[in-house]
Amino acid sequence: DKEAAQPGDLILFKGHSSGGNRIGHVGLITEVIGDQVK
């Protein structure tokens, strides 16, 4: 869950179109401070 995110987790996004429903982008979480996920 987003509320349980920790550094080292993968974070996944839709591609360029926010209307789609497919994963098209990924990053690596480096910091979580409160509700701020970097």
Full PDB file with SEQRES, HELIX, SHEET, SSBOND, CRYST1, ORIGX, SCALE, CONECT and MASTER records, all heavy atoms in Angstrom:
SEQRES   1 A   38  ASP LYS GLU ALA ALA GLN PRO GLY ASP LEU ILE LEU PHE          
SEQRES   2 A   38  LYS GLY HIS SER SER GLY GLY ASN ARG ILE GLY HIS VAL          
SEQRES   3 A   38  GLY LEU ILE THR GLU VAL ILE GLY ASP GLN VAL LYS              
HELIX    1 AA1 LYS A    2  ALA A    4  5                                   3    
SHEET    1 AA1 2 LEU A  10  LYS A  14  0                                        
SHEET    2 AA1 2 ILE A  23  LEU A  28 -1                                        
SHEET    1 AA2 2 VAL A  32  ILE A  33  0                                        
SHEET    2 AA2 2 GLN A  36  VAL A  37 -1                                        
CRYST1    1.000    1.000    1.000  90.00  90.00  90.00 P 1           1          
ORIGX1      1.000000  0.000000  0.000000        0.00000                         
ORIGX2      0.000000  1.000000  0.000000        0.00000                         
ORIGX3      0.000000  0.000000  1.000000        0.00000                         
SCALE1      1.000000  0.000000  0.000000        0.00000                         
SCALE2      0.000000  1.000000  0.000000        0.00000                         
SCALE3      0.000000  0.000000  1.000000        0.00000                         
ATOM      1  N   ASP A   1       0.839  -1.197   0.000  1.00  0.00           N  
ATOM      2  CA  ASP A   1       0.000   0.000   0.000  1.00  0.00           C  
ATOM      3  C   ASP A   1       0.876   1.250   0.000  1.00  0.00           C  
ATOM      4  O   ASP A   1       1.966   1.246   0.574  1.00  0.00           O  
ATOM      5  CB  ASP A   1      -0.890   0.042   1.241  1.00  0.00           C  
ATOM      6  CG  ASP A   1      -1.982  -1.010   1.217  1.00  0.00           C  
ATOM      7  OD1 ASP A   1      -2.394  -1.417   0.112  1.00  0.00           O  
ATOM      8  OD2 ASP A   1      -2.418  -1.429   2.306  1.00  0.00           O  
ATOM      9  N   LYS A   2       0.374   2.315  -0.593  1.00  0.00           N  
ATOM     10  CA  LYS A   2       1.123   3.572  -0.666  1.00  0.00           C  
ATOM     11  C   LYS A   2       1.519   4.049   0.730  1.00  0.00           C  
ATOM     12  O   LYS A   2       2.615   4.550   0.938  1.00  0.00           O  
ATOM     13  CB  LYS A   2       0.283   4.632  -1.388  1.00  0.00           C  
ATOM     14  CG  LYS A   2       0.995   5.941  -1.566  1.00  0.00           C  
ATOM     15  CD  LYS A   2       0.329   6.927  -2.501  1.00  0.00           C  
ATOM     16  CE  LYS A   2      -1.140   7.010  -2.431  1.00  0.00           C  
ATOM     17  NZ  LYS A   2      -1.703   8.120  -3.224  1.00  0.00           N  
ATOM     18  N   GLU A   3       0.649   3.863   1.700  1.00  0.00           N  
ATOM     19  CA  GLU A   3       0.921   4.303   3.065  1.00  0.00           C  
ATOM     20  C   GLU A   3       2.045   3.495   3.723  1.00  0.00           C  
ATOM     21  O   GLU A   3       2.628   3.929   4.706  1.00  0.00           O  
ATOM     22  CB  GLU A   3      -0.348   4.201   3.925  1.00  0.00           C  
ATOM     23  CG  GLU A   3      -1.477   5.120   3.487  1.00  0.00           C  
ATOM     24  CD  GLU A   3      -2.187   4.644   2.205  1.00  0.00           C  
ATOM     25  OE1 GLU A   3      -2.228   3.423   1.939  1.00  0.00           O  
ATOM     26  OE2 GLU A   3      -2.675   5.506   1.471  1.00  0.00           O  
ATOM     27  N   ALA A   4       2.350   2.326   3.185  1.00  0.00           N  
ATOM     28  CA  ALA A   4       3.399   1.471   3.748  1.00  0.00           C  
ATOM     29  C   ALA A   4       4.687   1.534   2.931  1.00  0.00           C  
ATOM     30  O   ALA A   4       5.617   0.763   3.174  1.00  0.00           O  
ATOM     31  CB  ALA A   4       2.896   0.030   3.826  1.00  0.00           C  
ATOM     32  N   ALA A   5       4.765   2.451   1.965  1.00  0.00           N  
ATOM     33  CA  ALA A   5       5.948   2.562   1.100  1.00  0.00           C  
ATOM     34  C   ALA A   5       7.203   2.815   1.928  1.00  0.00           C  
ATOM     35  O   ALA A   5       7.159   3.518   2.943  1.00  0.00           O  
ATOM     36  CB  ALA A   5       5.755   3.694   0.102  1.00  0.00           C  
ATOM     37  N   GLN A   6       8.305   2.222   1.487  1.00  0.00           N  
ATOM     38  CA  GLN A   6       9.596   2.381   2.151  1.00  0.00           C  
ATOM     39  C   GLN A   6      10.673   2.620   1.092  1.00  0.00           C  
ATOM     40  O   GLN A   6      10.514   2.210  -0.063  1.00  0.00           O  
ATOM     41  CB  GLN A   6       9.955   1.100   2.919  1.00  0.00           C  
ATOM     42  CG  GLN A   6       9.061   0.796   4.084  1.00  0.00           C  
ATOM     43  CD  GLN A   6       9.273   1.738   5.254  1.00  0.00           C  
ATOM     44  OE1 GLN A   6      10.275   2.450   5.328  1.00  0.00           O  
ATOM     45  NE2 GLN A   6       8.329   1.768   6.170  1.00  0.00           N  
ATOM     46  N   PRO A   7      11.776   3.230   1.492  1.00  0.00           N  
ATOM     47  CA  PRO A   7      12.902   3.340   0.571  1.00  0.00           C  
ATOM     48  C   PRO A   7      13.304   1.952   0.071  1.00  0.00           C  
ATOM     49  O   PRO A   7      13.267   0.974   0.829  1.00  0.00           O  
ATOM     50  CB  PRO A   7      14.015   3.955   1.437  1.00  0.00           C  
ATOM     51  CG  PRO A   7      13.265   4.723   2.483  1.00  0.00           C  
ATOM     52  CD  PRO A   7      12.053   3.893   2.768  1.00  0.00           C  
ATOM     53  N   GLY A   8      13.641   1.862  -1.198  1.00  0.00           N  
ATOM     54  CA  GLY A   8      13.999   0.583  -1.806  1.00  0.00           C  
ATOM     55  C   GLY A   8      12.859  -0.071  -2.558  1.00  0.00           C  
ATOM     56  O   GLY A   8      13.078  -0.990  -3.336  1.00  0.00           O  
ATOM     57  N   ASP A   9      11.625   0.409  -2.357  1.00  0.00           N  
ATOM     58  CA  ASP A   9      10.481  -0.139  -3.080  1.00  0.00           C  
ATOM     59  C   ASP A   9      10.459   0.423  -4.504  1.00  0.00           C  
ATOM     60  O   ASP A   9      10.912   1.541  -4.752  1.00  0.00           O  
ATOM     61  CB  ASP A   9       9.157   0.242  -2.397  1.00  0.00           C  
ATOM     62  CG  ASP A   9       8.945  -0.448  -1.056  1.00  0.00           C  
ATOM     63  OD1 ASP A   9       9.621  -1.462  -0.774  1.00  0.00           O  
ATOM     64  OD2 ASP A   9       8.096   0.036  -0.282  1.00  0.00           O  
ATOM     65  N   LEU A  10       9.911  -0.363  -5.419  1.00  0.00           N  
ATOM     66  CA  LEU A  10       9.664   0.128  -6.776  1.00  0.00           C  
ATOM     67  C   LEU A  10       8.349   0.888  -6.766  1.00  0.00           C  
ATOM     68  O   LEU A  10       7.397   0.480  -6.106  1.00  0.00           O  
ATOM     69  CB  LEU A  10       9.558  -1.041  -7.763  1.00  0.00           C  
ATOM     70  CG  LEU A  10      10.808  -1.875  -7.987  1.00  0.00           C  
ATOM     71  CD1 LEU A  10      10.503  -3.042  -8.931  1.00  0.00           C  
ATOM     72  CD2 LEU A  10      11.937  -1.021  -8.564  1.00  0.00           C  
ATOM     73  N   ILE A  11       8.279   1.978  -7.515  1.00  0.00           N  
ATOM     74  CA  ILE A  11       7.041   2.742  -7.652  1.00  0.00           C  
ATOM     75  C   ILE A  11       6.663   2.726  -9.129  1.00  0.00           C  
ATOM     76  O   ILE A  11       7.514   2.951  -9.997  1.00  0.00           O  
ATOM     77  CB  ILE A  11       7.179   4.171  -7.081  1.00  0.00           C  
ATOM     78  CG1 ILE A  11       5.835   4.890  -7.086  1.00  0.00           C  
ATOM     79  CG2 ILE A  11       8.283   4.957  -7.764  1.00  0.00           C  
ATOM     80  CD1 ILE A  11       5.800   6.133  -6.209  1.00  0.00           C  
ATOM     81  N   LEU A  12       5.411   2.422  -9.411  1.00  0.00           N  
ATOM     82  CA  LEU A  12       4.959   2.164 -10.783  1.00  0.00           C  
ATOM     83  C   LEU A  12       3.905   3.171 -11.228  1.00  0.00           C  
ATOM     84  O   LEU A  12       3.041   3.568 -10.443  1.00  0.00           O  
ATOM     85  CB  LEU A  12       4.392   0.749 -10.857  1.00  0.00           C  
ATOM     86  CG  LEU A  12       5.399  -0.316 -10.412  1.00  0.00           C  
ATOM     87  CD1 LEU A  12       4.706  -1.507  -9.824  1.00  0.00           C  
ATOM     88  CD2 LEU A  12       6.281  -0.698 -11.573  1.00  0.00           C  
ATOM     89  N   PHE A  13       3.994   3.534 -12.504  1.00  0.00           N  
ATOM     90  CA  PHE A  13       3.103   4.531 -13.072  1.00  0.00           C  
ATOM     91  C   PHE A  13       2.584   4.079 -14.430  1.00  0.00           C  
ATOM     92  O   PHE A  13       3.196   3.240 -15.084  1.00  0.00           O  
ATOM     93  CB  PHE A  13       3.864   5.858 -13.271  1.00  0.00           C  
ATOM     94  CG  PHE A  13       4.434   6.417 -12.019  1.00  0.00           C  
ATOM     95  CD1 PHE A  13       5.747   6.134 -11.659  1.00  0.00           C  
ATOM     96  CD2 PHE A  13       3.676   7.214 -11.194  1.00  0.00           C  
ATOM     97  CE1 PHE A  13       6.297   6.650 -10.495  1.00  0.00           C  
ATOM     98  CE2 PHE A  13       4.212   7.737 -10.025  1.00  0.00           C  
ATOM     99  CZ  PHE A  13       5.520   7.452  -9.672  1.00  0.00           C  
ATOM    100  N   LYS A  14       1.477   4.704 -14.835  1.00  0.00           N  
ATOM    101  CA  LYS A  14       1.017   4.550 -16.207  1.00  0.00           C  
ATOM    102  C   LYS A  14       2.034   5.232 -17.096  1.00  0.00           C  
ATOM    103  O   LYS A  14       2.820   6.058 -16.636  1.00  0.00           O  
ATOM    104  CB  LYS A  14      -0.348   5.225 -16.390  1.00  0.00           C  
ATOM    105  CG  LYS A  14      -1.435   4.638 -15.535  1.00  0.00           C  
ATOM    106  CD  LYS A  14      -2.705   5.444 -15.642  1.00  0.00           C  
ATOM    107  CE  LYS A  14      -3.740   4.908 -14.677  1.00  0.00           C  
ATOM    108  NZ  LYS A  14      -4.960   5.710 -14.698  1.00  0.00           N  
ATOM    109  N   GLY A  15       1.975   4.919 -18.381  1.00  0.00           N  
ATOM    110  CA  GLY A  15       2.877   5.576 -19.337  1.00  0.00           C  
ATOM    111  C   GLY A  15       2.466   7.018 -19.556  1.00  0.00           C  
ATOM    112  O   GLY A  15       1.885   7.651 -18.686  1.00  0.00           O  
ATOM    113  N   HIS A  16       2.703   7.544 -20.744  1.00  0.00           N  
ATOM    114  CA  HIS A  16       2.416   8.951 -21.038  1.00  0.00           C  
ATOM    115  C   HIS A  16       0.938   9.288 -20.923  1.00  0.00           C  
ATOM    116  O   HIS A  16       0.577  10.398 -20.604  1.00  0.00           O  
ATOM    117  CB  HIS A  16       2.924   9.330 -22.435  1.00  0.00           C  
ATOM    118  CG  HIS A  16       4.408   9.306 -22.527  1.00  0.00           C  
ATOM    119  ND1 HIS A  16       5.199  10.223 -21.880  1.00  0.00           N  
ATOM    120  CD2 HIS A  16       5.257   8.469 -23.168  1.00  0.00           C  
ATOM    121  CE1 HIS A  16       6.454   9.956 -22.121  1.00  0.00           C  
ATOM    122  NE2 HIS A  16       6.533   8.900 -22.904  1.00  0.00           N  
ATOM    123  N   SER A  17       0.059   8.338 -21.170  1.00  0.00           N  
ATOM    124  CA  SER A  17      -1.372   8.604 -21.112  1.00  0.00           C  
ATOM    125  C   SER A  17      -1.919   8.260 -19.732  1.00  0.00           C  
ATOM    126  O   SER A  17      -1.863   7.115 -19.293  1.00  0.00           O  
ATOM    127  CB  SER A  17      -2.111   7.763 -22.164  1.00  0.00           C  
ATOM    128  OG  SER A  17      -3.497   7.843 -21.951  1.00  0.00           O  
ATOM    129  N   SER A  18      -2.457   9.277 -19.056  1.00  0.00           N  
ATOM    130  CA  SER A  18      -3.025   9.023 -17.732  1.00  0.00           C  
ATOM    131  C   SER A  18      -4.365   8.302 -17.835  1.00  0.00           C  
ATOM    132  O   SER A  18      -4.887   7.817 -16.841  1.00  0.00           O  
ATOM    133  CB  SER A  18      -3.194  10.326 -16.954  1.00  0.00           C  
ATOM    134  OG  SER A  18      -4.112  11.179 -17.599  1.00  0.00           O  
ATOM    135  N   GLY A  19      -4.915   8.211 -19.042  1.00  0.00           N  
ATOM    136  CA  GLY A  19      -6.197   7.541 -19.224  1.00  0.00           C  
ATOM    137  C   GLY A  19      -6.079   6.036 -19.365  1.00  0.00           C  
ATOM    138  O   GLY A  19      -7.050   5.314 -19.200  1.00  0.00           O  
ATOM    139  N   GLY A  20      -4.905   5.546 -19.665  1.00  0.00           N  
ATOM    140  CA  GLY A  20      -4.708   4.105 -19.832  1.00  0.00           C  
ATOM    141  C   GLY A  20      -4.735   3.366 -18.509  1.00  0.00           C  
ATOM    142  O   GLY A  20      -4.913   3.951 -17.449  1.00  0.00           O  
ATOM    143  N   ASN A  21      -4.541   2.064 -18.594  1.00  0.00           N  
ATOM    144  CA  ASN A  21      -4.553   1.261 -17.378  1.00  0.00           C  
ATOM    145  C   ASN A  21      -3.380   0.287 -17.360  1.00  0.00           C  
ATOM    146  O   ASN A  21      -3.470  -0.775 -16.772  1.00  0.00           O  
ATOM    147  CB  ASN A  21      -5.886   0.513 -17.256  1.00  0.00           C  
ATOM    148  CG  ASN A  21      -6.183   0.180 -15.812  1.00  0.00           C  
ATOM    149  OD1 ASN A  21      -5.642   0.778 -14.895  1.00  0.00           O  
ATOM    150  ND2 ASN A  21      -7.043  -0.794 -15.611  1.00  0.00           N  
ATOM    151  N   ARG A  22      -2.282   0.656 -18.052  1.00  0.00           N  
ATOM    152  CA  ARG A  22      -1.126  -0.226 -18.130  1.00  0.00           C  
ATOM    153  C   ARG A  22       0.089   0.455 -17.518  1.00  0.00           C  
ATOM    154  O   ARG A  22       0.287   1.653 -17.691  1.00  0.00           O  
ATOM    155  CB  ARG A  22      -0.827  -0.564 -19.588  1.00  0.00           C  
ATOM    156  CG  ARG A  22      -1.972  -1.334 -20.249  1.00  0.00           C  
ATOM    157  CD  ARG A  22      -1.679  -1.637 -21.674  1.00  0.00           C  
ATOM    158  NE  ARG A  22      -0.461  -2.470 -21.753  1.00  0.00           N  
ATOM    159  CZ  ARG A  22       0.114  -2.834 -22.872  1.00  0.00           C  
ATOM    160  NH1 ARG A  22      -0.391  -2.436 -24.019  1.00  0.00           N  
ATOM    161  NH2 ARG A  22       1.185  -3.588 -22.873  1.00  0.00           N  
ATOM    162  N   ILE A  23       0.897  -0.333 -16.849  1.00  0.00           N  
ATOM    163  CA  ILE A  23       2.140   0.190 -16.284  1.00  0.00           C  
ATOM    164  C   ILE A  23       3.076   0.536 -17.444  1.00  0.00           C  
ATOM    165  O   ILE A  23       3.275  -0.271 -18.346  1.00  0.00           O  
ATOM    166  CB  ILE A  23       2.801  -0.843 -15.348  1.00  0.00           C  
ATOM    167  CG1 ILE A  23       1.909  -1.073 -14.131  1.00  0.00           C  
ATOM    168  CG2 ILE A  23       4.199  -0.397 -14.940  1.00  0.00           C  
ATOM    169  CD1 ILE A  23       2.352  -2.227 -13.249  1.00  0.00           C  
ATOM    170  N   GLY A  24       3.639   1.739 -17.389  1.00  0.00           N  
ATOM    171  CA  GLY A  24       4.539   2.168 -18.445  1.00  0.00           C  
ATOM    172  C   GLY A  24       5.767   2.901 -17.924  1.00  0.00           C  
ATOM    173  O   GLY A  24       6.578   3.378 -18.700  1.00  0.00           O  
ATOM    174  N   HIS A  25       5.897   2.992 -16.588  1.00  0.00           N  
ATOM    175  CA  HIS A  25       7.041   3.711 -16.021  1.00  0.00           C  
ATOM    176  C   HIS A  25       7.310   3.176 -14.619  1.00  0.00           C  
ATOM    177  O   HIS A  25       6.385   2.791 -13.902  1.00  0.00           O  
ATOM    178  CB  HIS A  25       6.762   5.214 -15.970  1.00  0.00           C  
ATOM    179  CG  HIS A  25       7.960   6.027 -15.627  1.00  0.00           C  
ATOM    180  ND1 HIS A  25       9.055   6.143 -16.460  1.00  0.00           N  
ATOM    181  CD2 HIS A  25       8.261   6.747 -14.523  1.00  0.00           C  
ATOM    182  CE1 HIS A  25       9.961   6.906 -15.887  1.00  0.00           C  
ATOM    183  NE2 HIS A  25       9.497   7.286 -14.705  1.00  0.00           N  
ATOM    184  N   VAL A  26       8.599   3.161 -14.231  1.00  0.00           N  
ATOM    185  CA  VAL A  26       8.992   2.655 -12.916  1.00  0.00           C  
ATOM    186  C   VAL A  26      10.126   3.498 -12.357  1.00  0.00           C  
ATOM    187  O   VAL A  26      10.941   4.042 -13.100  1.00  0.00           O  
ATOM    188  CB  VAL A  26       9.401   1.151 -12.992  1.00  0.00           C  
ATOM    189  CG1 VAL A  26      10.623   0.959 -13.878  1.00  0.00           C  
ATOM    190  CG2 VAL A  26       9.621   0.548 -11.618  1.00  0.00           C  
ATOM    191  N   GLY A  27      10.153   3.613 -11.032  1.00  0.00           N  
ATOM    192  CA  GLY A  27      11.229   4.306 -10.340  1.00  0.00           C  
ATOM    193  C   GLY A  27      11.553   3.576  -9.044  1.00  0.00           C  
ATOM    194  O   GLY A  27      10.912   2.573  -8.694  1.00  0.00           O  
ATOM    195  N   LEU A  28      12.515   4.093  -8.312  1.00  0.00           N  
ATOM    196  CA  LEU A  28      12.975   3.513  -7.054  1.00  0.00           C  
ATOM    197  C   LEU A  28      12.746   4.543  -5.949  1.00  0.00           C  
ATOM    198  O   LEU A  28      13.274   5.659  -6.023  1.00  0.00           O  
ATOM    199  CB  LEU A  28      14.469   3.174  -7.163  1.00  0.00           C  
ATOM    200  CG  LEU A  28      15.201   2.752  -5.898  1.00  0.00           C  
ATOM    201  CD1 LEU A  28      14.647   1.445  -5.355  1.00  0.00           C  
ATOM    202  CD2 LEU A  28      16.697   2.628  -6.171  1.00  0.00           C  
ATOM    203  N   ILE A  29      11.981   4.172  -4.930  1.00  0.00           N  
ATOM    204  CA  ILE A  29      11.706   5.087  -3.825  1.00  0.00           C  
ATOM    205  C   ILE A  29      12.992   5.274  -3.016  1.00  0.00           C  
ATOM    206  O   ILE A  29      13.638   4.308  -2.623  1.00  0.00           O  
ATOM    207  CB  ILE A  29      10.559   4.569  -2.940  1.00  0.00           C  
ATOM    208  CG1 ILE A  29       9.258   4.529  -3.757  1.00  0.00           C  
ATOM    209  CG2 ILE A  29      10.402   5.438  -1.691  1.00  0.00           C  
ATOM    210  CD1 ILE A  29       8.066   3.945  -3.025  1.00  0.00           C  
ATOM    211  N   THR A  30      13.330   6.548  -2.771  1.00  0.00           N  
ATOM    212  CA  THR A  30      14.546   6.867  -2.015  1.00  0.00           C  
ATOM    213  C   THR A  30      14.247   7.408  -0.628  1.00  0.00           C  
ATOM    214  O   THR A  30      15.061   7.268   0.277  1.00  0.00           O  
ATOM    215  CB  THR A  30      15.409   7.898  -2.759  1.00  0.00           C  
ATOM    216  OG1 THR A  30      14.639   9.073  -2.982  1.00  0.00           O  
ATOM    217  CG2 THR A  30      15.915   7.331  -4.076  1.00  0.00           C  
ATOM    218  N   GLU A  31      13.088   8.044  -0.443  1.00  0.00           N  
ATOM    219  CA  GLU A  31      12.725   8.616   0.851  1.00  0.00           C  
ATOM    220  C   GLU A  31      11.213   8.619   0.996  1.00  0.00           C  
ATOM    221  O   GLU A  31      10.490   8.819   0.015  1.00  0.00           O  
ATOM    222  CB  GLU A  31      13.175  10.078   0.972  1.00  0.00           C  
ATOM    223  CG  GLU A  31      14.650  10.300   1.089  1.00  0.00           C  
ATOM    224  CD  GLU A  31      14.964  11.783   1.237  1.00  0.00           C  
ATOM    225  OE1 GLU A  31      14.499  12.409   2.217  1.00  0.00           O  
ATOM    226  OE2 GLU A  31      15.666  12.303   0.356  1.00  0.00           O  
ATOM    227  N   VAL A  32      10.763   8.417   2.233  1.00  0.00           N  
ATOM    228  CA  VAL A  32       9.353   8.581   2.565  1.00  0.00           C  
ATOM    229  C   VAL A  32       9.313   9.369   3.866  1.00  0.00           C  
ATOM    230  O   VAL A  32       9.793   8.908   4.893  1.00  0.00           O  
ATOM    231  CB  VAL A  32       8.629   7.229   2.745  1.00  0.00           C  
ATOM    232  CG1 VAL A  32       7.172   7.450   3.112  1.00  0.00           C  
ATOM    233  CG2 VAL A  32       8.753   6.374   1.499  1.00  0.00           C  
ATOM    234  N   ILE A  33       8.774  10.577   3.781  1.00  0.00           N  
ATOM    235  CA  ILE A  33       8.652  11.425   4.965  1.00  0.00           C  
ATOM    236  C   ILE A  33       7.206  11.870   5.033  1.00  0.00           C  
ATOM    237  O   ILE A  33       6.754  12.663   4.212  1.00  0.00           O  
ATOM    238  CB  ILE A  33       9.600  12.639   4.884  1.00  0.00           C  
ATOM    239  CG1 ILE A  33      11.045  12.166   4.735  1.00  0.00           C  
ATOM    240  CG2 ILE A  33       9.437  13.522   6.117  1.00  0.00           C  
ATOM    241  CD1 ILE A  33      12.026  13.252   4.403  1.00  0.00           C  
ATOM    242  N   GLY A  34       6.489  11.324   5.999  1.00  0.00           N  
ATOM    243  CA  GLY A  34       5.054  11.600   6.089  1.00  0.00           C  
ATOM    244  C   GLY A  34       4.380  11.040   4.853  1.00  0.00           C  
ATOM    245  O   GLY A  34       4.544   9.874   4.525  1.00  0.00           O  
ATOM    246  N   ASP A  35       3.656  11.898   4.138  1.00  0.00           N  
ATOM    247  CA  ASP A  35       3.008  11.445   2.903  1.00  0.00           C  
ATOM    248  C   ASP A  35       3.827  11.826   1.668  1.00  0.00           C  
ATOM    249  O   ASP A  35       3.362  11.693   0.545  1.00  0.00           O  
ATOM    250  CB  ASP A  35       1.582  11.988   2.806  1.00  0.00           C  
ATOM    251  CG  ASP A  35       1.528  13.508   2.705  1.00  0.00           C  
ATOM    252  OD1 ASP A  35       2.569  14.163   2.941  1.00  0.00           O  
ATOM    253  OD2 ASP A  35       0.447  14.040   2.401  1.00  0.00           O  
ATOM    254  N   GLN A  36       5.046  12.297   1.871  1.00  0.00           N  
ATOM    255  CA  GLN A  36       5.930  12.669   0.763  1.00  0.00           C  
ATOM    256  C   GLN A  36       6.771  11.460   0.339  1.00  0.00           C  
ATOM    257  O   GLN A  36       7.559  10.943   1.133  1.00  0.00           O  
ATOM    258  CB  GLN A  36       6.885  13.790   1.186  1.00  0.00           C  
ATOM    259  CG  GLN A  36       6.178  15.080   1.536  1.00  0.00           C  
ATOM    260  CD  GLN A  36       5.614  15.754   0.300  1.00  0.00           C  
ATOM    261  OE1 GLN A  36       6.273  15.839  -0.726  1.00  0.00           O  
ATOM    262  NE2 GLN A  36       4.397  16.242   0.407  1.00  0.00           N  
ATOM    263  N   VAL A  37       6.574  11.016  -0.894  1.00  0.00           N  
ATOM    264  CA  VAL A  37       7.340   9.894  -1.435  1.00  0.00           C  
ATOM    265  C   VAL A  37       8.256  10.445  -2.525  1.00  0.00           C  
ATOM    266  O   VAL A  37       7.797  10.957  -3.540  1.00  0.00           O  
ATOM    267  CB  VAL A  37       6.404   8.803  -2.012  1.00  0.00           C  
ATOM    268  CG1 VAL A  37       7.217   7.692  -2.660  1.00  0.00           C  
ATOM    269  CG2 VAL A  37       5.484   8.254  -0.931  1.00  0.00           C  
ATOM    270  N   LYS A  38       9.559  10.339  -2.281  1.00  0.00           N  
ATOM    271  CA  LYS A  38      10.564  10.805  -3.237  1.00  0.00           C  
ATOM    272  C   LYS A  38      11.127   9.577  -3.940  1.00  0.00           C  
ATOM    273  O   LYS A  38      11.382   8.555  -3.298  1.00  0.00           O  
ATOM    274  CB  LYS A  38      11.677  11.542  -2.496  1.00  0.00           C  
ATOM    275  CG  LYS A  38      12.760  12.114  -3.382  1.00  0.00           C  
ATOM    276  CD  LYS A  38      13.784  12.866  -2.513  1.00  0.00           C  
ATOM    277  CE  LYS A  38      14.901  13.444  -3.332  1.00  0.00           C  
ATOM    278  NZ  LYS A  38      15.878  14.134  -2.464  1.00  0.00           N  
TER     279      LYS A  38                                                      
MASTER        0    0    0    1    4    0    0    6  278    1    0    3          
END                                                                             
